[in-house]
Amino acid sequence: MNRRLLHASIATLSIVASTVGAQNGQTARVDSIFAQFSTGLTPGVAVAVVRNGTLVLSKGYGHADLEHKVPITGTSVFDVASVSKQFAGLAIAMLVEQRKVALTDDIRKHIPELQDFGRTVTVNHLVHHTSGIRDWPGTLSLAGWRMDDVISFDQILTMAYNQRTLNFDPGSEYMYSNTGYNLLAELVRRVTGKPFRQWTDEELFKPLGMTRSHFRDDHTEIFPDRVLGYGRAQDGTFRATSNNLMALGSSSLFTTAEDLAKWLANFDDARVGGGRAMTRMLSTTPLNDSSPNNYAFGVSVGKYRDQPTISHSGGWASFSTYVLHFPAQKTGIVVLANTGFNTSQAAFRMADIYLDSALGPRPTPPVRTAAPVKATILDRYAGLYRFGPGWYTRITRERDELRTQATREDKFAMTALSDSTFWIAAYSTDMLFRRTRDGRVEMMFRGKARPRVQETKEPTAAQLAQLAGTYFSEELEATYHVEVRNGRLVMRHRRHGVIPIAWLNGDDFRGEVWFMRSVEFLRDSRGGVTGLTVTIDERSRDIRFSRVR
C-alpha cells in the first residue's frame, strides 16, 4: 500500500463514529454496561469498537482525574498494563522473520548476564510463558520493594540476572511471567541497537498512526490527557494509586482506546509487521508433554461462542484493561478502566451486542446430577491434602456429604457425581479421588495430583524457638530475622517491619503478606534448621534463604 492510501485509512479509523451504533440502539445497550460510571464523580472506562478497519464506537464514562474533574474520552491515555505484552510479542515475531533472532536461541546468547541454570531457556520459552523465570512483582516485594516505590526497568533486569534457580524445567509448565517479557524487551534493544521505546515508536506506533502511544521509560515524564488510577478505601471513598513502574515489554504502555482500535485492525490487514510476522504472532507451542498452551506471542488465542478470538487482559495500579479481537468478523473491542472493574466480562458483553448474529449459540451450563455415596466411602477421602507450599485443603464429612476448606478460604459443599468425583460449585470445577499404586489416596484437582499428607501437631514454644535466627537470600540480597513474639513466629525486615507467620503443617508456615504464601524451614539429616524457602505464589517458587545466625 502506498503512503497516501495508508494515511487515508488511518485517518478514516480515527473518526469517532459512536452515532453509527446509536442508530440501531447498540450504543444504548453499551451504555447500560457502564451505567455505574454515568453519574457522580467517579473513575470510569473508555471503550472502542473497530469493524473492518473503521471505528464504529469511541466513548468514555466517568473521570480520568477526580481532583480536576476531567472526563474520560476515547483519546484519554491509560496505562494498559499487561495488554502491553502483544507489542513485545510482535517485535519478536518481526525479528524472527528478519532472521535476527531464532526462537530456539538460548536467551543467554543475547543476554549473557542471566545465570546458567543448567537447563536452556530459549526465546520461545519466554514468549509462551514456559521459561520458569520468576515473576518480578513477588520477588522484588520479598526483597524489600513496595509496589508504590519507583520500580525501574534496570531494577527488574538486575533481579532477573540474580535469579539462581528456575520455578520448573523450561517447557514443562505454563506459568505467566512478566519478567520473561521484560527480558524480551531487552533482547529487542540488544539485537536492534535501539531502546525498546524508540524501536516500538518507529516500527509500530508511528506506522499505525498510534500518535498517543508510548512505553514509559521515565516515571517523571509529563504527557497530556493522562488517566490516573483509583482504588476504593475501606470507607468506600476513592484514593489515588501510585504508579511509578517502568516494566518495558510486560507493561508500562500508555495508550488510548482509539489507538488500540488501530492496533486491533492490524490483525486483519497486517500493515505493520507483515503477514508472516502477524501469523507467527498467533502461533502457539505445546508443552514438553504435548499438552496444549494457548498463549501465543503476547496474546491468548481461544474461542467464544464457537468463533476464534485473540485477547489479553491487564491489571496494575488500579487499572483494569482488556482487548478482544474476532478475526473472522474483523472486529475488535477495547475496554480500559481506571478502577477495579471486570473489563473482560464487559468486552464479551459488547461482543454479544455487536456480533450476536455472527456468533454461535450461547453456552449453556452442563447439567450435573448428584449421586448417592455411602458414608464409608466418603470417610475414605477425609483428611488434609497439600496443593503446594503454603496451600492445603481439608476434606471433612458432614452428615451425608463432603466439604472442602482450603487455606484461608471458607468451607464449601461438594456435590457427589459418583463414588470418586465431586463437584465444587464455588470453584466451578471438580475433585477426583483415586488410589496410587502403593494404595494411598490422592486428589486430582485442576489437572494435578494433590497428595493426602500426614497431619502434625502444632509446634511447642520450645520448637518455635529452634526456628528463630537470621536468614539471608543471596539471590535477593535480602535479610529476614525470625523471632518468637507472644508465642508465635514473626519475620522482621528493615522495610516491611514485623510480619506474623502462621503455622500450617510440619515446618510449613504462611506469612500475613501477599508475597509469603509459604515459609518452609529446611533441616539437615540431624534435624537442625539450616535455612528456609519462600514460595510467593505459583509464579515465584522456592526462593532460598540460608540461616546465617
Protein backbone atom coordinates (compact mmCIF):
# COMPACT_ATOMS: atom_id res chain seq x y z
CA MET A 1 0.00 0.00 0.00
CA ASN A 2 1.34 3.44 -0.87
CA ARG A 3 1.85 6.04 1.87
CA ARG A 4 -1.08 8.22 0.75
CA LEU A 5 -3.57 5.34 0.98
CA LEU A 6 -2.12 4.25 4.31
CA HIS A 7 -2.55 7.73 5.77
CA ALA A 8 -6.08 7.89 4.40
CA SER A 9 -7.03 4.60 6.03
CA ILE A 10 -5.57 5.72 9.36
CA ALA A 11 -7.48 8.97 9.16
CA THR A 12 -10.70 7.06 8.49
CA LEU A 13 -10.10 4.90 11.54
CA SER A 14 -9.51 7.93 13.75
CA ILE A 15 -13.03 9.27 13.15
CA VAL A 16 -15.22 8.89 16.23
CA ALA A 17 -18.40 7.29 14.93
CA SER A 18 -20.43 6.39 18.02
CA THR A 19 -23.55 7.66 16.26
CA VAL A 20 -23.41 4.58 14.00
CA GLY A 21 -24.19 2.40 16.98
CA ALA A 22 -26.81 4.82 18.23
CA GLN A 23 -28.88 4.35 15.07
CA ASN A 24 -29.73 0.78 15.96
CA GLY A 25 -29.64 1.00 19.73
CA GLN A 26 -26.25 -0.64 20.17
CA THR A 27 -24.72 2.34 21.94
CA ALA A 28 -27.59 2.49 24.42
CA ARG A 29 -27.03 -1.17 25.26
CA VAL A 30 -23.31 -0.50 25.71
CA ASP A 31 -24.16 2.45 27.97
CA SER A 32 -26.08 0.11 30.25
CA ILE A 33 -22.93 -1.97 30.84
CA PHE A 34 -21.15 1.07 32.26
CA ALA A 35 -24.12 2.71 33.98
CA GLN A 36 -22.30 2.80 37.33
CA PHE A 37 -19.90 5.40 35.88
CA SER A 38 -22.58 7.67 34.36
CA THR A 39 -23.37 9.75 37.43
CA GLY A 40 -21.33 11.38 40.16
CA LEU A 41 -17.61 11.97 40.44
CA THR A 42 -16.19 8.51 39.79
CA PRO A 43 -13.36 6.90 37.82
CA GLY A 44 -14.56 5.12 34.74
CA VAL A 45 -13.98 3.43 31.41
CA ALA A 46 -13.02 4.18 27.81
CA VAL A 47 -14.32 1.85 25.11
CA ALA A 48 -13.81 1.45 21.39
CA VAL A 49 -15.12 -0.89 18.72
CA VAL A 50 -13.49 -1.28 15.30
CA ARG A 51 -15.03 -3.25 12.40
CA ASN A 52 -13.45 -3.81 9.02
CA GLY A 53 -10.88 -1.13 9.80
CA THR A 54 -13.47 1.52 10.70
CA LEU A 55 -14.04 2.87 14.18
CA VAL A 56 -17.74 2.40 14.96
CA LEU A 57 -17.67 3.33 18.63
CA SER A 58 -15.45 5.51 20.80
CA LYS A 59 -16.78 6.64 24.14
CA GLY A 60 -15.81 7.46 27.70
CA TYR A 61 -17.60 7.11 31.03
CA GLY A 62 -16.55 8.64 34.34
CA HIS A 63 -13.41 10.64 35.02
CA ALA A 64 -9.72 10.44 34.20
CA ASP A 65 -8.74 12.81 37.03
CA LEU A 66 -11.06 13.16 40.02
CA GLU A 67 -9.31 16.19 41.50
CA HIS A 68 -9.71 18.23 38.34
CA LYS A 69 -12.96 16.57 37.21
CA VAL A 70 -11.53 15.64 33.79
CA PRO A 71 -13.88 13.31 31.88
CA ILE A 72 -12.68 10.16 30.15
CA THR A 73 -12.85 10.05 26.35
CA GLY A 74 -11.69 7.69 23.66
CA THR A 75 -8.44 9.68 23.48
CA SER A 76 -7.65 9.59 27.20
CA VAL A 77 -4.26 7.98 27.83
CA PHE A 78 -4.40 4.88 30.07
CA ASP A 79 -1.74 2.62 31.49
CA VAL A 80 -2.90 -0.62 29.84
CA ALA A 81 -0.71 -2.91 31.98
CA SER A 82 -0.25 -6.41 30.51
CA VAL A 83 -2.09 -5.56 27.29
CA SER A 84 1.41 -4.20 26.52
CA LYS A 85 2.83 -7.69 26.01
CA GLN A 86 1.47 -8.15 22.48
CA PHE A 87 3.67 -5.31 21.24
CA ALA A 88 6.76 -7.10 22.55
CA GLY A 89 5.33 -10.26 21.00
CA LEU A 90 5.09 -8.71 17.54
CA ALA A 91 8.58 -7.24 17.95
CA ILE A 92 10.00 -10.73 18.50
CA ALA A 93 7.95 -12.18 15.63
CA MET A 94 9.30 -9.49 13.29
CA LEU A 95 12.91 -10.07 14.38
CA VAL A 96 12.45 -13.79 13.82
CA GLU A 97 11.14 -13.16 10.29
CA GLN A 98 14.11 -10.86 9.68
CA ARG A 99 16.41 -13.70 10.83
CA LYS A 100 17.92 -11.54 13.54
CA VAL A 101 16.65 -13.86 16.27
CA ALA A 102 15.79 -17.56 16.35
CA LEU A 103 13.12 -18.87 18.69
CA THR A 104 15.47 -21.72 19.57
CA ASP A 105 18.19 -19.31 20.71
CA ASP A 106 19.37 -19.72 24.27
CA ILE A 107 18.40 -16.37 25.82
CA ARG A 108 21.93 -16.18 27.28
CA LYS A 109 23.23 -15.84 23.72
CA HIS A 110 21.73 -12.34 23.72
CA ILE A 111 21.68 -11.60 27.47
CA PRO A 112 24.71 -13.37 28.99
CA GLU A 113 24.15 -11.71 32.38
CA LEU A 114 21.48 -14.32 33.10
CA GLN A 115 22.57 -17.26 35.24
CA ASP A 116 23.37 -20.62 33.70
CA PHE A 117 20.55 -22.67 35.22
CA GLY A 118 21.91 -25.94 33.85
CA ARG A 119 18.88 -26.06 31.55
CA THR A 120 18.47 -23.98 28.42
CA VAL A 121 15.88 -21.19 28.46
CA THR A 122 15.05 -20.24 24.89
CA VAL A 123 13.40 -17.19 23.35
CA ASN A 124 10.43 -19.44 22.62
CA HIS A 125 10.08 -20.30 26.32
CA LEU A 126 9.95 -16.62 27.23
CA VAL A 127 7.38 -15.83 24.54
CA HIS A 128 4.95 -18.55 25.65
CA HIS A 129 5.44 -18.20 29.44
CA THR A 130 7.09 -21.60 29.81
CA SER A 131 10.56 -20.48 30.91
CA GLY A 132 10.42 -20.97 34.69
CA ILE A 133 11.77 -17.42 35.16
CA ARG A 134 10.32 -15.93 38.35
CA ASP A 135 7.85 -13.04 38.25
CA TRP A 136 9.30 -9.74 39.45
CA PRO A 137 6.32 -8.31 41.44
CA GLY A 138 6.71 -11.02 44.05
CA THR A 139 10.47 -11.29 44.12
CA LEU A 140 11.04 -7.54 44.35
CA SER A 141 8.45 -7.36 47.13
CA LEU A 142 10.17 -10.14 49.06
CA ALA A 143 13.48 -8.33 48.56
CA GLY A 144 12.05 -5.19 50.19
CA TRP A 145 10.34 -3.15 47.47
CA ARG A 146 6.87 -1.72 47.93
CA MET A 147 4.56 -1.52 44.95
CA ASP A 148 4.37 2.27 45.32
CA ASP A 149 8.17 2.57 45.04
CA VAL A 150 9.84 3.60 41.82
CA ILE A 151 10.35 0.29 40.00
CA SER A 152 12.75 0.81 37.13
CA PHE A 153 13.47 -1.43 34.16
CA ASP A 154 17.07 -1.81 35.33
CA GLN A 155 15.92 -2.96 38.77
CA ILE A 156 13.76 -5.63 37.18
CA LEU A 157 16.61 -6.81 34.96
CA THR A 158 19.04 -6.90 37.90
CA MET A 159 16.59 -9.08 39.82
CA ALA A 160 16.36 -11.42 36.83
CA TYR A 161 20.13 -11.63 36.47
CA ASN A 162 20.46 -12.68 40.12
CA GLN A 163 17.90 -15.50 39.91
CA ARG A 164 19.61 -18.73 40.96
CA THR A 165 17.07 -21.45 40.17
CA LEU A 166 14.04 -21.88 37.94
CA ASN A 167 10.46 -22.47 39.03
CA PHE A 168 10.36 -25.59 36.83
CA ASP A 169 12.06 -27.23 33.86
CA PRO A 170 11.66 -24.97 30.80
CA GLY A 171 8.75 -26.07 28.65
CA SER A 172 7.19 -28.32 31.28
CA GLU A 173 4.58 -25.83 32.53
CA TYR A 174 2.76 -22.71 31.50
CA MET A 175 3.24 -20.06 34.17
CA TYR A 176 2.78 -16.38 33.45
CA SER A 177 5.98 -14.38 33.90
CA ASN A 178 6.16 -10.63 33.48
CA THR A 179 9.92 -10.89 33.83
CA GLY A 180 10.08 -13.04 30.71
CA TYR A 181 8.60 -10.21 28.65
CA ASN A 182 10.94 -7.67 30.22
CA LEU A 183 13.80 -9.86 29.02
CA LEU A 184 12.26 -9.90 25.54
CA ALA A 185 12.20 -6.09 25.51
CA GLU A 186 15.87 -6.09 26.49
CA LEU A 187 16.52 -8.62 23.72
CA VAL A 188 14.97 -6.20 21.21
CA ARG A 189 17.33 -3.46 22.41
CA ARG A 190 20.41 -5.63 22.12
CA VAL A 191 19.57 -7.06 18.72
CA THR A 192 18.44 -3.80 17.08
CA GLY A 193 20.71 -1.38 18.91
CA LYS A 194 17.70 0.79 19.75
CA PRO A 195 15.97 1.23 23.13
CA PHE A 196 12.67 -0.63 23.24
CA ARG A 197 10.69 2.60 23.43
CA GLN A 198 12.40 4.02 20.36
CA TRP A 199 12.04 0.77 18.39
CA THR A 200 8.30 0.48 19.12
CA ASP A 201 7.76 4.17 18.32
CA GLU A 202 9.47 3.84 14.94
CA GLU A 203 8.36 0.36 13.91
CA LEU A 204 4.87 0.03 15.41
CA PHE A 205 3.21 3.17 16.73
CA LYS A 206 4.10 5.76 14.10
CA PRO A 207 3.34 3.49 11.09
CA LEU A 208 -0.07 2.67 12.59
CA GLY A 209 -0.87 6.28 13.42
CA MET A 210 -0.91 5.50 17.16
CA THR A 211 0.22 9.02 17.91
CA ARG A 212 -0.78 8.94 21.60
CA SER A 213 1.02 5.72 22.50
CA HIS A 214 4.40 5.12 24.11
CA PHE A 215 6.20 2.82 26.52
CA ARG A 216 7.02 4.83 29.62
CA ASP A 217 10.73 4.67 30.49
CA ASP A 218 10.78 7.74 32.77
CA HIS A 219 8.36 7.90 35.69
CA THR A 220 8.71 11.71 35.90
CA GLU A 221 7.61 12.26 32.30
CA ILE A 222 4.59 14.50 31.73
CA PHE A 223 2.24 13.88 28.81
CA PRO A 224 -1.23 15.25 28.02
CA ASP A 225 -4.57 13.57 28.77
CA ARG A 226 -3.07 11.07 31.19
CA VAL A 227 -5.56 8.99 33.17
CA LEU A 228 -4.92 8.35 36.89
CA GLY A 229 -5.75 5.11 38.69
CA TYR A 230 -8.08 4.99 41.70
CA GLY A 231 -8.79 2.29 44.27
CA ARG A 232 -11.51 2.03 46.91
CA ALA A 233 -10.61 2.74 50.53
CA GLN A 234 -12.29 0.82 53.37
CA ASP A 235 -14.70 3.70 53.90
CA GLY A 236 -15.82 3.42 50.26
CA THR A 237 -14.14 6.60 49.02
CA PHE A 238 -11.71 6.65 46.12
CA ARG A 239 -7.98 7.04 46.68
CA ALA A 240 -5.27 7.75 44.09
CA THR A 241 -2.99 4.80 43.37
CA SER A 242 0.74 5.43 42.94
CA ASN A 243 2.21 4.30 39.66
CA ASN A 244 5.99 4.55 39.24
CA LEU A 245 6.54 1.42 37.16
CA MET A 246 8.72 1.14 34.06
CA ALA A 247 8.35 -2.53 33.12
CA LEU A 248 9.08 -2.29 29.40
CA GLY A 249 7.72 -5.17 27.37
CA SER A 250 5.49 -6.65 30.04
CA SER A 251 3.62 -3.46 30.98
CA SER A 252 4.00 0.34 31.06
CA LEU A 253 2.39 1.04 27.67
CA PHE A 254 0.38 4.26 27.84
CA THR A 255 -2.19 4.47 25.08
CA THR A 256 -5.81 5.23 24.23
CA ALA A 257 -8.87 3.22 23.31
CA GLU A 258 -8.78 4.70 19.80
CA ASP A 259 -5.09 3.90 19.33
CA LEU A 260 -5.71 0.32 20.42
CA ALA A 261 -8.54 0.10 17.90
CA LYS A 262 -5.96 0.85 15.19
CA TRP A 263 -3.76 -1.86 16.63
CA LEU A 264 -6.57 -4.43 16.58
CA ALA A 265 -7.34 -3.55 12.95
CA ASN A 266 -3.76 -4.54 12.16
CA PHE A 267 -4.64 -8.15 12.96
CA ASP A 268 -6.84 -8.03 9.86
CA ASP A 269 -4.63 -6.29 7.32
CA ALA A 270 -1.08 -6.70 8.77
CA ARG A 271 0.01 -3.26 7.57
CA VAL A 272 2.67 -3.26 10.27
CA GLY A 273 4.83 -6.31 10.71
CA GLY A 274 3.67 -8.03 7.56
CA GLY A 275 1.59 -11.15 7.08
CA ARG A 276 4.27 -13.65 8.08
CA ALA A 277 5.09 -11.94 11.36
CA MET A 278 1.42 -11.44 12.23
CA THR A 279 0.71 -15.10 11.50
CA ARG A 280 3.66 -16.13 13.63
CA MET A 281 2.42 -13.87 16.42
CA LEU A 282 -0.69 -16.05 16.73
CA SER A 283 1.21 -19.34 16.80
CA THR A 284 1.43 -21.45 19.94
CA THR A 285 3.78 -24.18 21.16
CA PRO A 286 2.66 -27.20 23.22
CA LEU A 287 4.34 -28.10 26.49
CA ASN A 288 7.00 -30.78 26.73
CA ASP A 289 4.34 -33.45 27.36
CA SER A 290 2.41 -32.30 24.26
CA SER A 291 -0.41 -30.73 26.27
CA PRO A 292 -1.70 -27.50 24.69
CA ASN A 293 -0.67 -23.98 25.63
CA ASN A 294 -2.95 -21.30 24.20
CA TYR A 295 -0.62 -18.39 24.91
CA ALA A 296 0.92 -17.11 21.68
CA PHE A 297 3.15 -14.00 21.28
CA GLY A 298 1.71 -11.70 23.96
CA VAL A 299 -1.89 -12.74 23.28
CA SER A 300 -4.14 -15.64 24.15
CA VAL A 301 -5.89 -17.45 21.32
CA GLY A 302 -9.20 -19.08 22.05
CA LYS A 303 -12.89 -19.24 21.15
CA TYR A 304 -16.09 -17.54 22.21
CA ARG A 305 -19.43 -18.86 21.04
CA ASP A 306 -17.63 -21.07 18.50
CA GLN A 307 -15.71 -18.15 16.97
CA PRO A 308 -11.90 -17.68 17.16
CA THR A 309 -10.68 -14.91 19.45
CA ILE A 310 -7.45 -13.06 20.18
CA SER A 311 -7.36 -11.40 23.58
CA HIS A 312 -5.39 -10.17 26.57
CA SER A 313 -6.13 -8.60 29.92
CA GLY A 314 -4.16 -6.16 32.04
CA GLY A 315 -4.17 -5.04 35.64
CA TRP A 316 -1.85 -2.68 37.53
CA ALA A 317 -2.12 0.33 39.87
CA SER A 318 -5.95 0.17 39.85
CA PHE A 319 -6.08 -0.02 36.03
CA SER A 320 -8.05 -2.91 34.54
CA THR A 321 -7.85 -3.39 30.77
CA TYR A 322 -8.94 -5.82 28.08
CA VAL A 323 -8.67 -6.11 24.33
CA LEU A 324 -10.65 -8.65 22.33
CA HIS A 325 -10.50 -9.37 18.61
CA PHE A 326 -12.65 -11.61 16.41
CA PRO A 327 -10.58 -12.29 13.26
CA ALA A 328 -13.40 -13.98 11.32
CA GLN A 329 -15.62 -10.94 11.83
CA LYS A 330 -12.73 -8.42 11.60
CA THR A 331 -13.99 -6.82 14.80
CA GLY A 332 -12.02 -5.56 17.77
CA ILE A 333 -13.20 -4.36 21.19
CA VAL A 334 -11.25 -2.26 23.71
CA VAL A 335 -12.25 -1.71 27.34
CA LEU A 336 -9.96 0.38 29.57
CA ALA A 337 -10.84 1.17 33.22
CA ASN A 338 -9.00 3.27 35.78
CA THR A 339 -10.51 1.47 38.77
CA GLY A 340 -11.45 -2.06 39.75
CA PHE A 341 -13.87 -3.31 37.08
CA ASN A 342 -14.45 -6.55 35.18
CA THR A 343 -13.27 -5.34 31.78
CA SER A 344 -13.15 -8.82 30.24
CA GLN A 345 -16.78 -9.50 31.07
CA ALA A 346 -17.71 -6.10 29.65
CA ALA A 347 -15.81 -6.80 26.43
CA PHE A 348 -17.67 -10.07 25.84
CA ARG A 349 -20.99 -8.40 26.62
CA MET A 350 -20.11 -5.82 23.96
CA ALA A 351 -19.29 -8.65 21.57
CA ASP A 352 -22.77 -10.05 22.15
CA ILE A 353 -24.21 -6.63 21.25
CA TYR A 354 -22.22 -6.04 18.07
CA LEU A 355 -21.76 -9.58 16.78
CA ASP A 356 -24.64 -11.60 18.17
CA SER A 357 -25.95 -12.91 14.84
CA ALA A 358 -22.43 -13.77 13.66
CA LEU A 359 -21.59 -15.81 16.75
CA GLY A 360 -22.56 -19.34 17.65
CA PRO A 361 -25.08 -20.33 20.31
CA ARG A 362 -24.61 -19.07 23.84
CA PRO A 363 -23.04 -21.72 26.06
CA THR A 364 -25.41 -23.47 28.42
CA PRO A 365 -24.19 -24.73 31.78
CA PRO A 366 -23.89 -28.52 31.95
CA VAL A 367 -26.43 -30.44 33.99
CA ARG A 368 -24.87 -32.21 36.98
CA THR A 369 -26.82 -34.91 38.73
CA ALA A 370 -25.99 -35.74 42.32
CA ALA A 371 -25.30 -39.39 43.11
CA PRO A 372 -25.75 -41.09 46.49
CA VAL A 373 -22.47 -42.21 48.05
CA LYS A 374 -22.11 -44.37 51.14
CA ALA A 375 -20.70 -42.76 54.27
CA THR A 376 -17.94 -45.39 54.44
CA ILE A 377 -16.70 -44.27 51.02
CA LEU A 378 -16.90 -40.60 51.95
CA ASP A 379 -14.83 -41.29 55.05
CA ARG A 380 -12.01 -42.69 52.89
CA TYR A 381 -11.42 -39.25 51.42
CA ALA A 382 -11.38 -37.20 54.62
CA GLY A 383 -8.04 -35.66 55.56
CA LEU A 384 -5.54 -32.94 54.72
CA TYR A 385 -4.29 -32.57 51.13
CA ARG A 386 -1.32 -30.48 50.09
CA PHE A 387 -1.78 -28.47 46.91
CA GLY A 388 1.67 -26.91 47.24
CA PRO A 389 3.79 -24.91 49.68
CA GLY A 390 1.50 -22.89 51.96
CA TRP A 391 -1.62 -24.25 50.28
CA TYR A 392 -3.71 -27.06 51.74
CA THR A 393 -7.32 -28.17 51.75
CA ARG A 394 -9.08 -30.13 54.46
CA ILE A 395 -11.79 -32.58 53.40
CA THR A 396 -14.38 -33.41 56.05
CA ARG A 397 -17.57 -35.44 56.07
CA GLU A 398 -20.60 -33.67 57.48
CA ARG A 399 -23.59 -35.99 57.58
CA ASP A 400 -24.03 -37.37 54.08
CA GLU A 401 -21.74 -35.01 52.14
CA LEU A 402 -18.12 -33.90 51.90
CA ARG A 403 -16.92 -30.36 52.43
CA THR A 404 -13.65 -28.72 51.47
CA GLN A 405 -11.87 -25.83 53.14
CA ALA A 406 -8.66 -24.52 51.62
CA THR A 407 -6.07 -22.37 53.39
CA ARG A 408 -7.60 -19.01 54.32
CA GLU A 409 -10.83 -19.77 52.50
CA ASP A 410 -14.41 -20.53 53.51
CA LYS A 411 -15.76 -24.06 53.70
CA PHE A 412 -17.63 -25.20 50.58
CA ALA A 413 -20.01 -28.06 49.86
CA MET A 414 -19.01 -30.86 47.47
CA THR A 415 -21.68 -32.50 45.33
CA ALA A 416 -21.05 -36.18 44.67
CA LEU A 417 -21.35 -37.05 40.98
CA SER A 418 -20.04 -40.58 41.54
CA ASP A 419 -18.18 -42.60 44.16
CA SER A 420 -14.98 -40.72 43.30
CA THR A 421 -15.89 -37.43 41.59
CA PHE A 422 -17.26 -34.38 43.42
CA TRP A 423 -18.34 -31.02 42.02
CA ILE A 424 -17.50 -27.81 43.90
CA ALA A 425 -19.77 -25.04 42.63
CA ALA A 426 -17.73 -22.36 44.41
CA TYR A 427 -14.69 -23.30 42.30
CA SER A 428 -16.62 -24.23 39.12
CA THR A 429 -14.61 -27.43 38.91
CA ASP A 430 -14.48 -30.92 40.35
CA MET A 431 -12.24 -33.03 42.57
CA LEU A 432 -11.47 -36.63 41.70
CA PHE A 433 -10.19 -39.03 44.35
CA ARG A 434 -8.13 -42.07 43.40
CA ARG A 435 -5.65 -44.51 44.86
CA THR A 436 -1.97 -44.56 43.92
CA ARG A 437 -0.10 -47.77 43.14
CA ASP A 438 1.01 -48.08 46.75
CA GLY A 439 -2.58 -47.73 47.99
CA ARG A 440 -2.51 -44.12 49.17
CA VAL A 441 -5.38 -41.74 48.45
CA GLU A 442 -4.70 -38.66 46.34
CA MET A 443 -6.87 -35.99 44.77
CA MET A 444 -6.87 -34.76 41.19
CA PHE A 445 -7.67 -31.05 41.15
CA ARG A 446 -7.34 -28.78 38.13
CA GLY A 447 -5.22 -31.29 36.27
CA LYS A 448 -2.70 -32.01 39.04
CA ALA A 449 -2.35 -34.76 41.61
CA ARG A 450 -2.63 -33.47 45.21
CA PRO A 451 -1.33 -35.89 47.87
CA ARG A 452 -3.00 -36.52 51.20
CA VAL A 453 -0.46 -35.69 53.88
CA GLN A 454 0.06 -36.69 57.47
CA GLU A 455 -1.06 -34.01 59.87
CA THR A 456 1.42 -32.92 62.50
CA LYS A 457 0.98 -31.29 65.86
CA GLU A 458 1.37 -27.55 66.23
CA PRO A 459 4.91 -26.66 67.36
CA THR A 460 5.52 -26.00 71.03
CA ALA A 461 7.14 -22.81 72.28
CA ALA A 462 10.47 -24.65 72.53
CA GLN A 463 10.17 -25.93 68.96
CA LEU A 464 9.36 -22.45 67.68
CA ALA A 465 12.43 -21.09 69.46
CA GLN A 466 14.59 -23.52 67.44
CA LEU A 467 13.45 -21.76 64.24
CA ALA A 468 14.49 -18.29 65.43
CA GLY A 469 17.53 -16.82 63.71
CA THR A 470 18.76 -14.61 60.86
CA TYR A 471 18.20 -15.78 57.29
CA PHE A 472 19.81 -14.34 54.13
CA SER A 473 18.98 -14.79 50.43
CA GLU A 474 21.95 -14.33 48.13
CA GLU A 475 19.57 -14.20 45.17
CA LEU A 476 17.60 -11.25 46.57
CA GLU A 477 20.32 -9.79 48.80
CA ALA A 478 17.64 -9.70 51.49
CA THR A 479 17.78 -10.49 55.21
CA TYR A 480 14.93 -11.54 57.50
CA HIS A 481 15.10 -12.08 61.25
CA VAL A 482 12.83 -14.86 62.54
CA GLU A 483 11.72 -14.25 66.13
CA VAL A 484 9.22 -15.60 68.65
CA ARG A 485 6.83 -12.92 69.89
CA ASN A 486 3.87 -13.59 72.17
CA GLY A 487 4.06 -17.30 71.49
CA ARG A 488 4.14 -17.14 67.69
CA LEU A 489 6.70 -16.68 64.94
CA VAL A 490 7.28 -13.41 63.16
CA MET A 491 9.68 -12.34 60.41
CA ARG A 492 11.25 -8.91 60.75
CA HIS A 493 12.55 -6.94 57.76
CA ARG A 494 14.09 -3.46 57.68
CA ARG A 495 11.45 -2.11 55.26
CA HIS A 496 8.44 -4.36 55.75
CA GLY A 497 8.61 -4.34 59.53
CA VAL A 498 7.19 -7.27 61.50
CA ILE A 499 5.33 -9.94 59.54
CA PRO A 500 3.49 -12.62 61.57
CA ILE A 501 3.69 -16.13 60.10
CA ALA A 502 1.07 -18.74 60.96
CA TRP A 503 1.78 -22.46 61.25
CA LEU A 504 0.11 -24.73 58.68
CA ASN A 505 1.63 -28.21 58.91
CA GLY A 506 5.06 -29.66 59.59
CA ASP A 507 7.65 -26.93 59.02
CA ASP A 508 5.36 -25.02 56.66
CA PHE A 509 4.12 -21.56 57.73
CA ARG A 510 2.25 -18.79 55.91
CA GLY A 511 3.03 -15.09 56.14
CA GLU A 512 0.37 -12.44 56.62
CA VAL A 513 1.50 -10.60 53.47
CA TRP A 514 0.68 -11.47 49.88
CA PHE A 515 4.29 -12.28 48.95
CA MET A 516 4.73 -15.06 51.55
CA ARG A 517 2.29 -17.83 50.69
CA SER A 518 4.72 -20.29 52.25
CA VAL A 519 7.71 -20.02 54.57
CA GLU A 520 9.07 -23.54 54.92
CA PHE A 521 12.04 -24.27 57.17
CA LEU A 522 14.81 -26.59 55.96
CA ARG A 523 16.61 -29.13 58.14
CA ASP A 524 19.74 -31.26 57.85
CA SER A 525 19.87 -35.00 58.44
CA ARG A 526 20.05 -34.46 62.22
CA GLY A 527 17.02 -32.18 62.29
CA GLY A 528 18.95 -28.93 62.64
CA VAL A 529 17.47 -25.88 60.91
CA THR A 530 19.74 -24.76 58.05
CA GLY A 531 17.55 -22.31 56.17
CA LEU A 532 14.13 -21.65 54.75
CA THR A 533 12.40 -21.33 51.40
CA VAL A 534 9.76 -18.77 50.48
CA THR A 535 7.14 -19.50 47.85
CA ILE A 536 5.45 -16.25 46.91
CA ASP A 537 2.88 -17.84 44.61
CA GLU A 538 2.94 -20.19 41.61
CA ARG A 539 4.87 -17.58 39.62
CA SER A 540 7.77 -17.35 42.11
CA ARG A 541 8.62 -20.53 43.98
CA ASP A 542 11.21 -21.94 46.33
CA ILE A 543 13.41 -18.88 46.94
CA ARG A 544 16.14 -19.99 49.33
CA PHE A 545 17.41 -18.25 52.43
CA SER A 546 20.40 -19.61 54.36
CA ARG A 547 20.50 -19.41 58.14
CA VAL A 548 23.45 -17.18 58.96
CA ARG A 549 22.87 -16.76 62.73
